[in-house]
Amino acid sequence: MISVITGASSGIGAAAATELSRRGHHVVLVGRDRARLDAVAASLTGPEADVLTCDFTSLDDVRRLGGELRARYDDIDVLANNAGVMSPARRLTGDGHELMIQVNHLAPFLLTLELTGRVGRVVTTASMAGRSGRLDAADLNRERRRWNGWLQYGDTKQANMLFTAALAERDVHATCFHPGVIRTGFAGGTLLMRACLAVPGLAKPPERGAAGLVELATTPGRPGGYYAGGRPTRGNADPELAERLWEVSLRAVNG
């Protein structure tokens, strides 16, 4: 079993890699920091892992990663789109896209397309925040709407749900899940996350968040489904909006 995990240098990605490796998966670790990826690879107990770097703020780098994965592996059993970011400040990437919509949606969208026909299962780390998303397919960068980092983050997590549903419509075995509030460095500088971390018992260790990824990577889930606590639950994936987002995303990554 070959499992590619993005955002694998720490947190949920590293914890999922640890468990999948223990279960015998050949894990491919993807992230920005080679030293941290190498440290995760050295800690694994299963088959020797492969390490590939990629910066999701560059779509050209995502294309390079896709080409390298195609060159190395004829078949990939699991693609775990786990990399993500939350930024309170509005920032643009070198490609001209708002940071969160690129890292959380456009980059994994492009990577998945780059691997079309080679991936057996796609698992995406979404969030309960996506249920409150109000994504506007004509305004992915939130240029014409009030800026708020958490609102934009919710839109990008809704995009994960919509992308999952659109992939399922195209006969790709795709699922997404809510990992819960996890004690990592994610969004650590925000007031909301500091408040969550301050509540005893609310934030769980990365292994708890990784359990949802591991479950969907190793057992059949309902294609197009959104999972929380190991169970399918209501997401936020209107079919018409999913198709509009697909078309807009295609133009964005090919522009």
C-alpha atoms as a PDB file:
ATOM      1  CA  MET A   1       0.000   0.000   0.000  1.00  0.00           C
ATOM      2  CA  ILE A   2       1.415   3.353  -1.061  1.00  0.00           C
ATOM      3  CA  SER A   3       0.013   6.312   0.878  1.00  0.00           C
ATOM      4  CA  VAL A   4       0.965   9.894   0.022  1.00  0.00           C
ATOM      5  CA  ILE A   5       0.382  12.315   2.911  1.00  0.00           C
ATOM      6  CA  THR A   6       0.718  16.068   2.511  1.00  0.00           C
ATOM      7  CA  GLY A   7       1.391  18.237   5.535  1.00  0.00           C
ATOM      8  CA  ALA A   8       3.301  15.291   6.979  1.00  0.00           C
ATOM      9  CA  SER A   9       6.079  17.089   8.855  1.00  0.00           C
ATOM     10  CA  SER A  10       4.076  17.442  12.085  1.00  0.00           C
ATOM     11  CA  GLY A  11       0.652  17.247  13.693  1.00  0.00           C
ATOM     12  CA  ILE A  12      -2.093  15.151  12.122  1.00  0.00           C
ATOM     13  CA  GLY A  13      -0.025  14.296   9.039  1.00  0.00           C
ATOM     14  CA  ALA A  14       2.915  12.962  11.032  1.00  0.00           C
ATOM     15  CA  ALA A  15       0.627  11.030  13.389  1.00  0.00           C
ATOM     16  CA  ALA A  16      -1.257   9.479  10.458  1.00  0.00           C
ATOM     17  CA  ALA A  17       2.037   8.537   8.803  1.00  0.00           C
ATOM     18  CA  THR A  18       3.164   6.858  12.020  1.00  0.00           C
ATOM     19  CA  GLU A  19       0.032   4.717  12.255  1.00  0.00           C
ATOM     20  CA  LEU A  20      -0.172   3.858   8.558  1.00  0.00           C
ATOM     21  CA  SER A  21       3.498   2.886   8.557  1.00  0.00           C
ATOM     22  CA  ARG A  22       2.893   0.679  11.581  1.00  0.00           C
ATOM     23  CA  ARG A  23       0.158  -1.036   9.568  1.00  0.00           C
ATOM     24  CA  GLY A  24       2.576  -1.741   6.727  1.00  0.00           C
ATOM     25  CA  HIS A  25       1.901   1.144   4.346  1.00  0.00           C
ATOM     26  CA  HIS A  26       4.724   2.530   2.239  1.00  0.00           C
ATOM     27  CA  VAL A  27       4.313   6.149   3.294  1.00  0.00           C
ATOM     28  CA  VAL A  28       5.309   9.097   1.123  1.00  0.00           C
ATOM     29  CA  LEU A  29       5.801  12.165   3.311  1.00  0.00           C
ATOM     30  CA  VAL A  30       5.178  15.549   1.680  1.00  0.00           C
ATOM     31  CA  GLY A  31       5.823  18.949   3.241  1.00  0.00           C
ATOM     32  CA  ARG A  32       7.894  22.111   3.033  1.00  0.00           C
ATOM     33  CA  ASP A  33      10.589  21.376   5.619  1.00  0.00           C
ATOM     34  CA  ARG A  34      12.958  18.592   4.575  1.00  0.00           C
ATOM     35  CA  ALA A  35      14.619  18.299   7.976  1.00  0.00           C
ATOM     36  CA  ARG A  36      11.330  17.848   9.796  1.00  0.00           C
ATOM     37  CA  LEU A  37      10.113  15.336   7.200  1.00  0.00           C
ATOM     38  CA  ASP A  38      13.338  13.373   7.567  1.00  0.00           C
ATOM     39  CA  ALA A  39      12.835  13.292  11.339  1.00  0.00           C
ATOM     40  CA  VAL A  40       9.327  11.877  10.899  1.00  0.00           C
ATOM     41  CA  ALA A  41      10.616   9.322   8.379  1.00  0.00           C
ATOM     42  CA  ALA A  42      13.336   8.192  10.802  1.00  0.00           C
ATOM     43  CA  SER A  43      10.746   7.607  13.537  1.00  0.00           C
ATOM     44  CA  LEU A  44       8.516   5.284  11.508  1.00  0.00           C
ATOM     45  CA  THR A  45       8.436   1.588  12.342  1.00  0.00           C
ATOM     46  CA  GLY A  46       7.165   0.181   9.045  1.00  0.00           C
ATOM     47  CA  PRO A  47       8.561   0.153   5.498  1.00  0.00           C
ATOM     48  CA  GLU A  48      11.123   2.830   4.679  1.00  0.00           C
ATOM     49  CA  ALA A  49       9.322   6.067   3.843  1.00  0.00           C
ATOM     50  CA  ASP A  50       9.944   8.363   0.907  1.00  0.00           C
ATOM     51  CA  VAL A  51      10.289  12.106   1.476  1.00  0.00           C
ATOM     52  CA  LEU A  52       9.299  14.795  -1.035  1.00  0.00           C
ATOM     53  CA  THR A  53       9.193  18.538  -0.482  1.00  0.00           C
ATOM     54  CA  CYS A  54       6.591  20.921  -1.875  1.00  0.00           C
ATOM     55  CA  ASP A  55       5.448  24.459  -1.161  1.00  0.00           C
ATOM     56  CA  PHE A  56       1.697  24.706  -1.732  1.00  0.00           C
ATOM     57  CA  THR A  57       1.937  28.484  -2.078  1.00  0.00           C
ATOM     58  CA  SER A  58       3.434  27.793  -5.527  1.00  0.00           C
ATOM     59  CA  LEU A  59       1.249  26.001  -8.067  1.00  0.00           C
ATOM     60  CA  ASP A  60       4.334  25.356 -10.200  1.00  0.00           C
ATOM     61  CA  ASP A  61       5.837  23.492  -7.253  1.00  0.00           C
ATOM     62  CA  VAL A  62       2.640  21.450  -6.946  1.00  0.00           C
ATOM     63  CA  ARG A  63       2.950  20.538 -10.632  1.00  0.00           C
ATOM     64  CA  ARG A  64       6.578  19.524 -10.046  1.00  0.00           C
ATOM     65  CA  LEU A  65       5.468  17.328  -7.141  1.00  0.00           C
ATOM     66  CA  GLY A  66       2.771  15.741  -9.285  1.00  0.00           C
ATOM     67  CA  GLY A  67       5.315  14.938 -11.972  1.00  0.00           C
ATOM     68  CA  GLU A  68       7.703  13.416  -9.456  1.00  0.00           C
ATOM     69  CA  LEU A  69       4.959  11.257  -7.956  1.00  0.00           C
ATOM     70  CA  ARG A  70       3.925  10.058 -11.426  1.00  0.00           C
ATOM     71  CA  ALA A  71       7.527   9.205 -12.243  1.00  0.00           C
ATOM     72  CA  ARG A  72       7.998   7.211  -9.058  1.00  0.00           C
ATOM     73  CA  TYR A  73       4.680   5.372  -8.649  1.00  0.00           C
ATOM     74  CA  ASP A  74       2.421   3.792 -11.236  1.00  0.00           C
ATOM     75  CA  ASP A  75      -0.314   3.381  -8.631  1.00  0.00           C
ATOM     76  CA  ILE A  76      -0.997   5.257  -5.391  1.00  0.00           C
ATOM     77  CA  ASP A  77      -3.437   3.599  -3.020  1.00  0.00           C
ATOM     78  CA  VAL A  78      -4.188   6.678  -0.899  1.00  0.00           C
ATOM     79  CA  LEU A  79      -3.702  10.391  -1.460  1.00  0.00           C
ATOM     80  CA  ALA A  80      -4.231  12.210   1.843  1.00  0.00           C
ATOM     81  CA  ASN A  81      -4.773  15.907   1.172  1.00  0.00           C
ATOM     82  CA  ASN A  82      -3.922  17.002   4.686  1.00  0.00           C
ATOM     83  CA  ALA A  83      -1.825  20.167   4.335  1.00  0.00           C
ATOM     84  CA  GLY A  84      -3.608  23.311   5.469  1.00  0.00           C
ATOM     85  CA  VAL A  85      -3.177  26.802   6.838  1.00  0.00           C
ATOM     86  CA  MET A  86      -5.142  29.487   8.675  1.00  0.00           C
ATOM     87  CA  SER A  87      -4.101  33.139   8.383  1.00  0.00           C
ATOM     88  CA  PRO A  88      -5.911  35.974  10.192  1.00  0.00           C
ATOM     89  CA  ALA A  89      -4.341  38.486   7.788  1.00  0.00           C
ATOM     90  CA  ARG A  90      -5.252  38.572   4.113  1.00  0.00           C
ATOM     91  CA  ARG A  91      -2.236  37.449   2.098  1.00  0.00           C
ATOM     92  CA  LEU A  92      -1.752  36.649  -1.565  1.00  0.00           C
ATOM     93  CA  THR A  93       0.496  33.972  -3.034  1.00  0.00           C
ATOM     94  CA  GLY A  94       2.840  34.506  -5.941  1.00  0.00           C
ATOM     95  CA  ASP A  95       0.123  32.982  -8.130  1.00  0.00           C
ATOM     96  CA  GLY A  96      -2.211  35.827  -7.151  1.00  0.00           C
ATOM     97  CA  HIS A  97      -4.595  33.757  -5.029  1.00  0.00           C
ATOM     98  CA  GLU A  98      -5.534  34.356  -1.407  1.00  0.00           C
ATOM     99  CA  LEU A  99      -3.249  32.194   0.732  1.00  0.00           C
ATOM    100  CA  MET A 100      -5.842  29.953   2.397  1.00  0.00           C
ATOM    101  CA  ILE A 101      -7.868  29.210  -0.737  1.00  0.00           C
ATOM    102  CA  GLN A 102      -4.671  28.211  -2.529  1.00  0.00           C
ATOM    103  CA  VAL A 103      -3.086  26.081   0.183  1.00  0.00           C
ATOM    104  CA  ASN A 104      -6.313  24.524   1.479  1.00  0.00           C
ATOM    105  CA  HIS A 105      -8.115  24.001  -1.820  1.00  0.00           C
ATOM    106  CA  LEU A 106      -6.449  24.947  -5.110  1.00  0.00           C
ATOM    107  CA  ALA A 107      -3.148  23.174  -4.407  1.00  0.00           C
ATOM    108  CA  PRO A 108      -4.737  19.843  -3.365  1.00  0.00           C
ATOM    109  CA  PHE A 109      -7.220  20.225  -6.236  1.00  0.00           C
ATOM    110  CA  LEU A 110      -4.310  20.562  -8.673  1.00  0.00           C
ATOM    111  CA  LEU A 111      -2.293  17.752  -7.090  1.00  0.00           C
ATOM    112  CA  THR A 112      -5.270  15.401  -7.271  1.00  0.00           C
ATOM    113  CA  LEU A 113      -5.788  16.255 -10.944  1.00  0.00           C
ATOM    114  CA  GLU A 114      -2.076  15.702 -11.611  1.00  0.00           C
ATOM    115  CA  LEU A 115      -2.511  12.156 -10.304  1.00  0.00           C
ATOM    116  CA  THR A 116      -5.737  11.356 -12.157  1.00  0.00           C
ATOM    117  CA  GLY A 117      -5.995   7.657 -12.918  1.00  0.00           C
ATOM    118  CA  ARG A 118      -3.275   6.645 -10.449  1.00  0.00           C
ATOM    119  CA  VAL A 119      -4.989   7.125  -7.083  1.00  0.00           C
ATOM    120  CA  GLY A 120      -7.319   4.572  -5.549  1.00  0.00           C
ATOM    121  CA  ARG A 121      -8.624   6.710  -2.706  1.00  0.00           C
ATOM    122  CA  VAL A 122      -8.553  10.427  -1.856  1.00  0.00           C
ATOM    123  CA  VAL A 123      -8.941  11.498   1.778  1.00  0.00           C
ATOM    124  CA  THR A 124      -9.078  15.202   2.603  1.00  0.00           C
ATOM    125  CA  THR A 125      -8.712  16.817   6.000  1.00  0.00           C
ATOM    126  CA  ALA A 126     -11.686  19.161   6.181  1.00  0.00           C
ATOM    127  CA  SER A 127     -13.182  20.820   9.265  1.00  0.00           C
ATOM    128  CA  MET A 128     -16.479  21.440  10.991  1.00  0.00           C
ATOM    129  CA  ALA A 129     -15.766  25.075  10.081  1.00  0.00           C
ATOM    130  CA  GLY A 130     -16.808  24.160   6.548  1.00  0.00           C
ATOM    131  CA  ARG A 131     -20.406  23.723   7.676  1.00  0.00           C
ATOM    132  CA  SER A 132     -20.578  27.467   8.300  1.00  0.00           C
ATOM    133  CA  GLY A 133     -18.816  28.290   5.022  1.00  0.00           C
ATOM    134  CA  ARG A 134     -20.551  30.591   2.540  1.00  0.00           C
ATOM    135  CA  LEU A 135     -18.264  30.058  -0.408  1.00  0.00           C
ATOM    136  CA  ASP A 136     -18.785  32.277  -3.448  1.00  0.00           C
ATOM    137  CA  ALA A 137     -17.333  30.535  -6.499  1.00  0.00           C
ATOM    138  CA  ALA A 138     -17.035  33.914  -8.223  1.00  0.00           C
ATOM    139  CA  ASP A 139     -15.061  35.414  -5.327  1.00  0.00           C
ATOM    140  CA  LEU A 140     -12.673  32.747  -4.025  1.00  0.00           C
ATOM    141  CA  ASN A 141     -10.180  35.384  -2.886  1.00  0.00           C
ATOM    142  CA  ARG A 142     -12.862  37.242  -0.888  1.00  0.00           C
ATOM    143  CA  GLU A 143     -12.092  40.492  -2.676  1.00  0.00           C
ATOM    144  CA  ARG A 144     -15.708  41.669  -2.854  1.00  0.00           C
ATOM    145  CA  ARG A 145     -16.797  40.527   0.590  1.00  0.00           C
ATOM    146  CA  ARG A 146     -15.834  41.571   4.105  1.00  0.00           C
ATOM    147  CA  TRP A 147     -12.497  40.102   5.071  1.00  0.00           C
ATOM    148  CA  ASN A 148     -12.304  37.899   8.114  1.00  0.00           C
ATOM    149  CA  GLY A 149      -9.712  35.162   8.412  1.00  0.00           C
ATOM    150  CA  TRP A 150     -12.013  32.637  10.054  1.00  0.00           C
ATOM    151  CA  LEU A 151     -14.792  33.278   7.542  1.00  0.00           C
ATOM    152  CA  GLN A 152     -12.347  32.667   4.706  1.00  0.00           C
ATOM    153  CA  TYR A 153     -11.031  29.572   6.448  1.00  0.00           C
ATOM    154  CA  GLY A 154     -14.599  28.269   6.686  1.00  0.00           C
ATOM    155  CA  ASP A 155     -15.034  28.887   2.962  1.00  0.00           C
ATOM    156  CA  THR A 156     -11.892  26.884   2.190  1.00  0.00           C
ATOM    157  CA  LYS A 157     -13.048  24.007   4.360  1.00  0.00           C
ATOM    158  CA  GLN A 158     -16.419  24.062   2.621  1.00  0.00           C
ATOM    159  CA  ALA A 159     -14.388  23.876  -0.596  1.00  0.00           C
ATOM    160  CA  ASN A 160     -12.879  20.617   0.720  1.00  0.00           C
ATOM    161  CA  MET A 161     -16.379  19.174   1.127  1.00  0.00           C
ATOM    162  CA  LEU A 162     -17.461  20.414  -2.307  1.00  0.00           C
ATOM    163  CA  PHE A 163     -14.320  19.023  -3.955  1.00  0.00           C
ATOM    164  CA  THR A 164     -14.889  15.660  -2.273  1.00  0.00           C
ATOM    165  CA  ALA A 165     -18.454  15.537  -3.577  1.00  0.00           C
ATOM    166  CA  ALA A 166     -17.355  16.545  -7.094  1.00  0.00           C
ATOM    167  CA  LEU A 167     -14.669  13.853  -7.136  1.00  0.00           C
ATOM    168  CA  ALA A 168     -17.232  11.228  -6.127  1.00  0.00           C
ATOM    169  CA  GLU A 169     -19.433  12.347  -9.033  1.00  0.00           C
ATOM    170  CA  ARG A 170     -16.440  11.585 -11.256  1.00  0.00           C
ATOM    171  CA  ASP A 171     -16.139   8.037  -9.872  1.00  0.00           C
ATOM    172  CA  VAL A 172     -13.196   8.808  -7.583  1.00  0.00           C
ATOM    173  CA  HIS A 173     -13.395   7.191  -4.144  1.00  0.00           C
ATOM    174  CA  ALA A 174     -13.121  10.438  -2.184  1.00  0.00           C
ATOM    175  CA  THR A 175     -14.018  11.241   1.421  1.00  0.00           C
ATOM    176  CA  CYS A 176     -13.269  14.038   3.865  1.00  0.00           C
ATOM    177  CA  PHE A 177     -13.361  14.340   7.648  1.00  0.00           C
ATOM    178  CA  HIS A 178     -13.344  16.663  10.636  1.00  0.00           C
ATOM    179  CA  PRO A 179     -10.333  15.915  12.873  1.00  0.00           C
ATOM    180  CA  GLY A 180     -11.599  17.865  15.886  1.00  0.00           C
ATOM    181  CA  VAL A 181      -9.776  20.534  17.876  1.00  0.00           C
ATOM    182  CA  ILE A 182      -6.204  19.286  17.933  1.00  0.00           C
ATOM    183  CA  ARG A 183      -3.297  20.429  20.065  1.00  0.00           C
ATOM    184  CA  THR A 184      -0.814  21.451  17.379  1.00  0.00           C
ATOM    185  CA  GLY A 185       0.702  24.724  16.196  1.00  0.00           C
ATOM    186  CA  PHE A 186      -2.211  25.274  13.812  1.00  0.00           C
ATOM    187  CA  ALA A 187      -3.624  28.829  14.069  1.00  0.00           C
ATOM    188  CA  GLY A 188      -1.774  29.157  17.359  1.00  0.00           C
ATOM    189  CA  GLY A 189      -1.573  32.936  17.144  1.00  0.00           C
ATOM    190  CA  THR A 190      -5.334  33.450  16.954  1.00  0.00           C
ATOM    191  CA  LEU A 191      -7.495  34.357  19.942  1.00  0.00           C
ATOM    192  CA  LEU A 192     -10.001  31.602  19.117  1.00  0.00           C
ATOM    193  CA  MET A 193      -7.395  28.851  19.071  1.00  0.00           C
ATOM    194  CA  ARG A 194      -5.740  30.125  22.238  1.00  0.00           C
ATOM    195  CA  ALA A 195      -9.142  30.014  23.909  1.00  0.00           C
ATOM    196  CA  CYS A 196      -9.763  26.461  22.692  1.00  0.00           C
ATOM    197  CA  LEU A 197      -6.377  25.313  23.941  1.00  0.00           C
ATOM    198  CA  ALA A 198      -7.051  26.871  27.330  1.00  0.00           C
ATOM    199  CA  VAL A 199     -10.178  24.773  27.934  1.00  0.00           C
ATOM    200  CA  PRO A 200      -9.123  21.600  29.772  1.00  0.00           C
ATOM    201  CA  GLY A 201      -9.722  18.481  27.702  1.00  0.00           C
ATOM    202  CA  LEU A 202     -11.099  20.271  24.626  1.00  0.00           C
ATOM    203  CA  ALA A 203      -8.013  20.027  22.434  1.00  0.00           C
ATOM    204  CA  LYS A 204      -6.954  16.475  21.665  1.00  0.00           C
ATOM    205  CA  PRO A 205      -3.524  15.095  20.723  1.00  0.00           C
ATOM    206  CA  PRO A 206      -2.608  14.765  17.026  1.00  0.00           C
ATOM    207  CA  GLU A 207      -3.137  11.016  17.182  1.00  0.00           C
ATOM    208  CA  ARG A 208      -6.825  11.577  17.894  1.00  0.00           C
ATOM    209  CA  GLY A 209      -7.192  13.818  14.857  1.00  0.00           C
ATOM    210  CA  ALA A 210      -5.211  11.400  12.698  1.00  0.00           C
ATOM    211  CA  ALA A 211      -7.562   8.541  13.571  1.00  0.00           C
ATOM    212  CA  GLY A 212     -10.171   9.826  11.115  1.00  0.00           C
ATOM    213  CA  LEU A 213      -7.638   9.987   8.318  1.00  0.00           C
ATOM    214  CA  VAL A 214      -6.309   6.512   9.066  1.00  0.00           C
ATOM    215  CA  GLU A 215      -9.827   5.070   9.215  1.00  0.00           C
ATOM    216  CA  LEU A 216     -10.789   6.476   5.808  1.00  0.00           C
ATOM    217  CA  ALA A 217      -7.432   5.471   4.331  1.00  0.00           C
ATOM    218  CA  THR A 218      -7.819   1.839   5.392  1.00  0.00           C
ATOM    219  CA  THR A 219     -11.548   1.061   5.307  1.00  0.00           C
ATOM    220  CA  PRO A 220     -14.224   1.828   2.711  1.00  0.00           C
ATOM    221  CA  GLY A 221     -16.120   5.023   3.396  1.00  0.00           C
ATOM    222  CA  ARG A 222     -19.096   6.358   1.502  1.00  0.00           C
ATOM    223  CA  PRO A 223     -17.761   8.112  -1.625  1.00  0.00           C
ATOM    224  CA  GLY A 224     -18.383  11.834  -1.333  1.00  0.00           C
ATOM    225  CA  GLY A 225     -19.008  11.500   2.398  1.00  0.00           C
ATOM    226  CA  TYR A 226     -18.007  13.857   5.197  1.00  0.00           C
ATOM    227  CA  TYR A 227     -17.093  12.168   8.488  1.00  0.00           C
ATOM    228  CA  ALA A 228     -16.833  13.380  12.061  1.00  0.00           C
ATOM    229  CA  GLY A 229     -16.069  11.172  15.023  1.00  0.00           C
ATOM    230  CA  GLY A 230     -15.757   8.205  12.689  1.00  0.00           C
ATOM    231  CA  ARG A 231     -19.331   8.539  11.425  1.00  0.00           C
ATOM    232  CA  PRO A 232     -20.807  10.041   8.268  1.00  0.00           C
ATOM    233  CA  THR A 233     -22.501  13.330   9.025  1.00  0.00           C
ATOM    234  CA  ARG A 234     -24.051  16.282   7.264  1.00  0.00           C
ATOM    235  CA  GLY A 235     -21.536  18.481   5.505  1.00  0.00           C
ATOM    236  CA  ASN A 236     -21.994  21.530   3.310  1.00  0.00           C
ATOM    237  CA  ALA A 237     -21.754  20.317  -0.285  1.00  0.00           C
ATOM    238  CA  ASP A 238     -24.469  21.613  -2.592  1.00  0.00           C
ATOM    239  CA  PRO A 239     -24.063  19.692  -5.897  1.00  0.00           C
ATOM    240  CA  GLU A 240     -24.538  22.748  -8.105  1.00  0.00           C
ATOM    241  CA  LEU A 241     -22.031  24.783  -6.123  1.00  0.00           C
ATOM    242  CA  ALA A 242     -19.620  21.842  -6.229  1.00  0.00           C
ATOM    243  CA  GLU A 243     -19.707  21.897 -10.039  1.00  0.00           C
ATOM    244  CA  ARG A 244     -19.297  25.679 -10.182  1.00  0.00           C
ATOM    245  CA  LEU A 245     -16.318  25.448  -7.848  1.00  0.00           C
ATOM    246  CA  TRP A 246     -14.798  22.701 -10.013  1.00  0.00           C
ATOM    247  CA  GLU A 247     -14.958  24.852 -13.133  1.00  0.00           C
ATOM    248  CA  VAL A 248     -13.637  27.969 -11.372  1.00  0.00           C
ATOM    249  CA  SER A 249     -10.824  25.937  -9.805  1.00  0.00           C
ATOM    250  CA  LEU A 250      -9.823  24.520 -13.178  1.00  0.00           C
ATOM    251  CA  ARG A 251      -9.485  28.028 -14.555  1.00  0.00           C
ATOM    252  CA  ALA A 252      -7.595  29.186 -11.476  1.00  0.00           C
ATOM    253  CA  VAL A 253      -4.939  26.445 -11.619  1.00  0.00           C
ATOM    254  CA  ASN A 254      -4.580  26.615 -15.395  1.00  0.00           C
ATOM    255  CA  GLY A 255      -4.496  30.406 -15.613  1.00  0.00           C
END
